[in-house]
Amino acid sequence: MNEKNQRKKIEYNTKYNKENYVNFSLKIKPELNNKIVNYCKSNDISRPEFLERAIEALNHNI
C-alpha cells in the first residue's frame, strides 16, 4: 500500500470512528482492572462487550 492510500485509509478510519464511537475513560483500582481483564480473556470478549453484559445483567436483576 503506498503512502497516499495509507493516508486515505487512516482518514477514513478516523472519520468512521468519530461517527460511530465515543471515548469512555475511567480510573479504577488495579485489582478491579485485573478482574475485568482476566474475565474478558477467559470468556474471549472485549471490554466493551464486558460492559454491555454487565449492564444487561444489572437490568435483569432490578
PDB file of N, CA and C in Angstrom:
ATOM      1  N   MET A   1       0.860  -1.173   0.000  1.00  0.00           N
ATOM      2  CA  MET A   1       0.000   0.000   0.000  1.00  0.00           C
ATOM      3  C   MET A   1       0.904   1.235   0.000  1.00  0.00           C
ATOM      4  N   ASN A   2       0.665   2.132  -0.941  1.00  0.00           N
ATOM      5  CA  ASN A   2       1.513   3.315  -0.978  1.00  0.00           C
ATOM      6  C   ASN A   2       1.080   4.318   0.087  1.00  0.00           C
ATOM      7  N   GLU A   3       1.909   5.330   0.251  1.00  0.00           N
ATOM      8  CA  GLU A   3       1.694   6.290   1.337  1.00  0.00           C
ATOM      9  C   GLU A   3       0.374   7.053   1.181  1.00  0.00           C
ATOM     10  N   LYS A   4       0.019   7.416  -0.045  1.00  0.00           N
ATOM     11  CA  LYS A   4      -1.227   8.155  -0.289  1.00  0.00           C
ATOM     12  C   LYS A   4      -2.448   7.313   0.080  1.00  0.00           C
ATOM     13  N   ASN A   5      -2.454   6.054  -0.327  1.00  0.00           N
ATOM     14  CA  ASN A   5      -3.572   5.169   0.016  1.00  0.00           C
ATOM     15  C   ASN A   5      -3.644   4.918   1.509  1.00  0.00           C
ATOM     16  N   GLN A   6      -2.487   4.784   2.125  1.00  0.00           N
ATOM     17  CA  GLN A   6      -2.454   4.550   3.572  1.00  0.00           C
ATOM     18  C   GLN A   6      -3.030   5.757   4.309  1.00  0.00           C
ATOM     19  N   ARG A   7      -2.679   6.955   3.868  1.00  0.00           N
ATOM     20  CA  ARG A   7      -3.194   8.172   4.486  1.00  0.00           C
ATOM     21  C   ARG A   7      -4.715   8.254   4.326  1.00  0.00           C
ATOM     22  N   LYS A   8      -5.224   7.901   3.142  1.00  0.00           N
ATOM     23  CA  LYS A   8      -6.677   7.917   2.908  1.00  0.00           C
ATOM     24  C   LYS A   8      -7.389   6.913   3.804  1.00  0.00           C
ATOM     25  N   LYS A   9      -6.775   5.749   3.987  1.00  0.00           N
ATOM     26  CA  LYS A   9      -7.370   4.729   4.849  1.00  0.00           C
ATOM     27  C   LYS A   9      -7.434   5.222   6.289  1.00  0.00           C
ATOM     28  N   ILE A  10      -6.368   5.847   6.754  1.00  0.00           N
ATOM     29  CA  ILE A  10      -6.337   6.384   8.119  1.00  0.00           C
ATOM     30  C   ILE A  10      -7.403   7.458   8.280  1.00  0.00           C
ATOM     31  N   GLU A  11      -7.527   8.341   7.288  1.00  0.00           N
ATOM     32  CA  GLU A  11      -8.544   9.395   7.342  1.00  0.00           C
ATOM     33  C   GLU A  11      -9.949   8.795   7.377  1.00  0.00           C
ATOM     34  N   TYR A  12     -10.178   7.783   6.555  1.00  0.00           N
ATOM     35  CA  TYR A  12     -11.483   7.115   6.540  1.00  0.00           C
ATOM     36  C   TYR A  12     -11.775   6.485   7.903  1.00  0.00           C
ATOM     37  N   ASN A  13     -10.797   5.773   8.451  1.00  0.00           N
ATOM     38  CA  ASN A  13     -10.991   5.115   9.748  1.00  0.00           C
ATOM     39  C   ASN A  13     -11.249   6.134  10.848  1.00  0.00           C
ATOM     40  N   THR A  14     -10.535   7.241  10.825  1.00  0.00           N
ATOM     41  CA  THR A  14     -10.734   8.290  11.819  1.00  0.00           C
ATOM     42  C   THR A  14     -12.148   8.850  11.730  1.00  0.00           C
ATOM     43  N   LYS A  15     -12.594   9.144  10.516  1.00  0.00           N
ATOM     44  CA  LYS A  15     -13.951   9.667  10.308  1.00  0.00           C
ATOM     45  C   LYS A  15     -14.996   8.651  10.761  1.00  0.00           C
ATOM     46  N   TYR A  16     -14.815   7.394  10.390  1.00  0.00           N
ATOM     47  CA  TYR A  16     -15.751   6.339  10.781  1.00  0.00           C
ATOM     48  C   TYR A  16     -15.834   6.234  12.302  1.00  0.00           C
ATOM     49  N   ASN A  17     -14.688   6.211  12.960  1.00  0.00           N
ATOM     50  CA  ASN A  17     -14.671   6.084  14.418  1.00  0.00           C
ATOM     51  C   ASN A  17     -15.355   7.267  15.093  1.00  0.00           C
ATOM     52  N   LYS A  18     -15.144   8.481  14.586  1.00  0.00           N
ATOM     53  CA  LYS A  18     -15.794   9.656  15.168  1.00  0.00           C
ATOM     54  C   LYS A  18     -17.307   9.581  15.033  1.00  0.00           C
ATOM     55  N   GLU A  19     -17.789   9.008  13.928  1.00  0.00           N
ATOM     56  CA  GLU A  19     -19.225   8.925  13.684  1.00  0.00           C
ATOM     57  C   GLU A  19     -19.901   7.777  14.430  1.00  0.00           C
ATOM     58  N   ASN A  20     -19.144   6.741  14.802  1.00  0.00           N
ATOM     59  CA  ASN A  20     -19.757   5.528  15.337  1.00  0.00           C
ATOM     60  C   ASN A  20     -19.361   5.156  16.763  1.00  0.00           C
ATOM     61  N   TYR A  21     -18.416   5.869  17.342  1.00  0.00           N
ATOM     62  CA  TYR A  21     -17.946   5.527  18.686  1.00  0.00           C
ATOM     63  C   TYR A  21     -17.728   6.783  19.518  1.00  0.00           C
ATOM     64  N   VAL A  22     -17.752   6.607  20.827  1.00  0.00           N
ATOM     65  CA  VAL A  22     -17.364   7.667  21.759  1.00  0.00           C
ATOM     66  C   VAL A  22     -16.302   7.096  22.685  1.00  0.00           C
ATOM     67  N   ASN A  23     -15.451   7.970  23.187  1.00  0.00           N
ATOM     68  CA  ASN A  23     -14.451   7.527  24.156  1.00  0.00           C
ATOM     69  C   ASN A  23     -15.083   7.499  25.536  1.00  0.00           C
ATOM     70  N   PHE A  24     -14.703   6.501  26.305  1.00  0.00           N
ATOM     71  CA  PHE A  24     -15.218   6.328  27.654  1.00  0.00           C
ATOM     72  C   PHE A  24     -14.014   6.005  28.527  1.00  0.00           C
ATOM     73  N   SER A  25     -13.667   6.918  29.405  1.00  0.00           N
ATOM     74  CA  SER A  25     -12.461   6.753  30.206  1.00  0.00           C
ATOM     75  C   SER A  25     -12.806   6.800  31.690  1.00  0.00           C
ATOM     76  N   LEU A  26     -12.136   5.964  32.474  1.00  0.00           N
ATOM     77  CA  LEU A  26     -12.335   5.980  33.908  1.00  0.00           C
ATOM     78  C   LEU A  26     -11.082   5.482  34.606  1.00  0.00           C
ATOM     79  N   LYS A  27     -10.985   5.796  35.879  1.00  0.00           N
ATOM     80  CA  LYS A  27      -9.868   5.315  36.689  1.00  0.00           C
ATOM     81  C   LYS A  27     -10.412   4.287  37.662  1.00  0.00           C
ATOM     82  N   ILE A  28      -9.778   3.120  37.662  1.00  0.00           N
ATOM     83  CA  ILE A  28     -10.177   2.052  38.575  1.00  0.00           C
ATOM     84  C   ILE A  28      -8.933   1.498  39.249  1.00  0.00           C
ATOM     85  N   LYS A  29      -9.147   0.830  40.351  1.00  0.00           N
ATOM     86  CA  LYS A  29      -8.025   0.230  41.069  1.00  0.00           C
ATOM     87  C   LYS A  29      -7.464  -0.930  40.254  1.00  0.00           C
ATOM     88  N   PRO A  30      -6.168  -1.171  40.383  1.00  0.00           N
ATOM     89  CA  PRO A  30      -5.533  -2.254  39.623  1.00  0.00           C
ATOM     90  C   PRO A  30      -6.195  -3.612  39.847  1.00  0.00           C
ATOM     91  N   GLU A  31      -6.670  -3.868  41.059  1.00  0.00           N
ATOM     92  CA  GLU A  31      -7.295  -5.156  41.355  1.00  0.00           C
ATOM     93  C   GLU A  31      -8.564  -5.355  40.526  1.00  0.00           C
ATOM     94  N   LEU A  32      -9.367  -4.299  40.418  1.00  0.00           N
ATOM     95  CA  LEU A  32     -10.583  -4.388  39.616  1.00  0.00           C
ATOM     96  C   LEU A  32     -10.237  -4.540  38.139  1.00  0.00           C
ATOM     97  N   ASN A  33      -9.237  -3.805  37.696  1.00  0.00           N
ATOM     98  CA  ASN A  33      -8.800  -3.935  36.306  1.00  0.00           C
ATOM     99  C   ASN A  33      -8.370  -5.366  36.013  1.00  0.00           C
ATOM    100  N   ASN A  34      -7.617  -5.963  36.919  1.00  0.00           N
ATOM    101  CA  ASN A  34      -7.173  -7.348  36.726  1.00  0.00           C
ATOM    102  C   ASN A  34      -8.355  -8.302  36.629  1.00  0.00           C
ATOM    103  N   LYS A  35      -9.369  -8.088  37.466  1.00  0.00           N
ATOM    104  CA  LYS A  35     -10.557  -8.942  37.410  1.00  0.00           C
ATOM    105  C   LYS A  35     -11.248  -8.826  36.053  1.00  0.00           C
ATOM    106  N   ILE A  36     -11.378  -7.596  35.580  1.00  0.00           N
ATOM    107  CA  ILE A  36     -12.045  -7.373  34.289  1.00  0.00           C
ATOM    108  C   ILE A  36     -11.233  -7.977  33.152  1.00  0.00           C
ATOM    109  N   VAL A  37      -9.947  -7.711  33.140  1.00  0.00           N
ATOM    110  CA  VAL A  37      -9.074  -8.237  32.080  1.00  0.00           C
ATOM    111  C   VAL A  37      -9.098  -9.757  32.080  1.00  0.00           C
ATOM    112  N   ASN A  38      -8.985 -10.367  33.247  1.00  0.00           N
ATOM    113  CA  ASN A  38      -8.998 -11.830  33.330  1.00  0.00           C
ATOM    114  C   ASN A  38     -10.337 -12.408  32.881  1.00  0.00           C
ATOM    115  N   TYR A  39     -11.433 -11.763  33.269  1.00  0.00           N
ATOM    116  CA  TYR A  39     -12.754 -12.229  32.838  1.00  0.00           C
ATOM    117  C   TYR A  39     -12.870 -12.163  31.320  1.00  0.00           C
ATOM    118  N   CYS A  40     -12.439 -11.053  30.763  1.00  0.00           N
ATOM    119  CA  CYS A  40     -12.525 -10.880  29.307  1.00  0.00           C
ATOM    120  C   CYS A  40     -11.679 -11.919  28.577  1.00  0.00           C
ATOM    121  N   LYS A  41     -10.486 -12.175  29.082  1.00  0.00           N
ATOM    122  CA  LYS A  41      -9.629 -13.188  28.449  1.00  0.00           C
ATOM    123  C   LYS A  41     -10.246 -14.573  28.571  1.00  0.00           C
ATOM    124  N   SER A  42     -10.753 -14.901  29.743  1.00  0.00           N
ATOM    125  CA  SER A  42     -11.340 -16.223  29.973  1.00  0.00           C
ATOM    126  C   SER A  42     -12.566 -16.466  29.106  1.00  0.00           C
ATOM    127  N   ASN A  43     -13.308 -15.403  28.824  1.00  0.00           N
ATOM    128  CA  ASN A  43     -14.545 -15.530  28.057  1.00  0.00           C
ATOM    129  C   ASN A  43     -14.401 -15.043  26.614  1.00  0.00           C
ATOM    130  N   ASP A  44     -13.184 -14.700  26.242  1.00  0.00           N
ATOM    131  CA  ASP A  44     -12.872 -14.258  24.876  1.00  0.00           C
ATOM    132  C   ASP A  44     -13.817 -13.148  24.414  1.00  0.00           C
ATOM    133  N   ILE A  45     -13.922 -12.101  25.250  1.00  0.00           N
ATOM    134  CA  ILE A  45     -14.760 -10.955  24.903  1.00  0.00           C
ATOM    135  C   ILE A  45     -13.946  -9.676  25.066  1.00  0.00           C
ATOM    136  N   SER A  46     -14.418  -8.615  24.442  1.00  0.00           N
ATOM    137  CA  SER A  46     -13.773  -7.309  24.567  1.00  0.00           C
ATOM    138  C   SER A  46     -14.274  -6.619  25.838  1.00  0.00           C
ATOM    139  N   ARG A  47     -13.593  -5.572  26.237  1.00  0.00           N
ATOM    140  CA  ARG A  47     -14.046  -4.818  27.402  1.00  0.00           C
ATOM    141  C   ARG A  47     -15.381  -4.113  27.143  1.00  0.00           C
ATOM    142  N   PRO A  48     -15.601  -3.558  25.951  1.00  0.00           N
ATOM    143  CA  PRO A  48     -16.943  -3.009  25.705  1.00  0.00           C
ATOM    144  C   PRO A  48     -18.038  -4.076  25.801  1.00  0.00           C
ATOM    145  N   GLU A  49     -17.740  -5.280  25.328  1.00  0.00           N
ATOM    146  CA  GLU A  49     -18.731  -6.353  25.441  1.00  0.00           C
ATOM    147  C   GLU A  49     -18.936  -6.738  26.905  1.00  0.00           C
ATOM    148  N   PHE A  50     -17.875  -6.728  27.694  1.00  0.00           N
ATOM    149  CA  PHE A  50     -17.991  -6.982  29.133  1.00  0.00           C
ATOM    150  C   PHE A  50     -18.939  -5.964  29.764  1.00  0.00           C
ATOM    151  N   LEU A  51     -18.733  -4.696  29.440  1.00  0.00           N
ATOM    152  CA  LEU A  51     -19.568  -3.638  29.996  1.00  0.00           C
ATOM    153  C   LEU A  51     -21.024  -3.809  29.573  1.00  0.00           C
ATOM    154  N   GLU A  52     -21.230  -4.152  28.326  1.00  0.00           N
ATOM    155  CA  GLU A  52     -22.590  -4.378  27.829  1.00  0.00           C
ATOM    156  C   GLU A  52     -23.260  -5.534  28.566  1.00  0.00           C
ATOM    157  N   ARG A  53     -22.531  -6.634  28.775  1.00  0.00           N
ATOM    158  CA  ARG A  53     -23.082  -7.786  29.500  1.00  0.00           C
ATOM    159  C   ARG A  53     -23.377  -7.436  30.954  1.00  0.00           C
ATOM    160  N   ALA A  54     -22.493  -6.660  31.570  1.00  0.00           N
ATOM    161  CA  ALA A  54     -22.696  -6.271  32.966  1.00  0.00           C
ATOM    162  C   ALA A  54     -23.955  -5.422  33.103  1.00  0.00           C
ATOM    163  N   ILE A  55     -24.161  -4.502  32.186  1.00  0.00           N
ATOM    164  CA  ILE A  55     -25.355  -3.657  32.219  1.00  0.00           C
ATOM    165  C   ILE A  55     -26.611  -4.497  32.013  1.00  0.00           C
ATOM    166  N   GLU A  56     -26.566  -5.423  31.072  1.00  0.00           N
ATOM    167  CA  GLU A  56     -27.718  -6.315  30.840  1.00  0.00           C
ATOM    168  C   GLU A  56     -28.035  -7.121  32.096  1.00  0.00           C
ATOM    169  N   ALA A  57     -26.999  -7.645  32.752  1.00  0.00           N
ATOM    170  CA  ALA A  57     -27.208  -8.431  33.971  1.00  0.00           C
ATOM    171  C   ALA A  57     -27.824  -7.566  35.066  1.00  0.00           C
ATOM    172  N   LEU A  58     -27.345  -6.340  35.209  1.00  0.00           N
ATOM    173  CA  LEU A  58     -27.909  -5.437  36.212  1.00  0.00           C
ATOM    174  C   LEU A  58     -29.365  -5.100  35.898  1.00  0.00           C
ATOM    175  N   ASN A  59     -29.670  -4.867  34.654  1.00  0.00           N
ATOM    176  CA  ASN A  59     -31.046  -4.533  34.267  1.00  0.00           C
ATOM    177  C   ASN A  59     -32.006  -5.688  34.521  1.00  0.00           C
ATOM    178  N   HIS A  60     -31.542  -6.905  34.393  1.00  0.00           N
ATOM    179  CA  HIS A  60     -32.413  -8.065  34.602  1.00  0.00           C
ATOM    180  C   HIS A  60     -32.617  -8.368  36.088  1.00  0.00           C
ATOM    181  N   ASN A  61     -31.743  -7.867  36.938  1.00  0.00           N
ATOM    182  CA  ASN A  61     -31.860  -8.121  38.375  1.00  0.00           C
ATOM    183  C   ASN A  61     -32.594  -7.005  39.103  1.00  0.00           C
ATOM    184  N   ILE A  62     -32.953  -5.958  38.403  1.00  0.00           N
ATOM    185  CA  ILE A  62     -33.634  -4.824  39.052  1.00  0.00           C
ATOM    186  C   ILE A  62     -35.134  -5.044  39.029  1.00  0.00           C
TER     187      ILE A  62
END
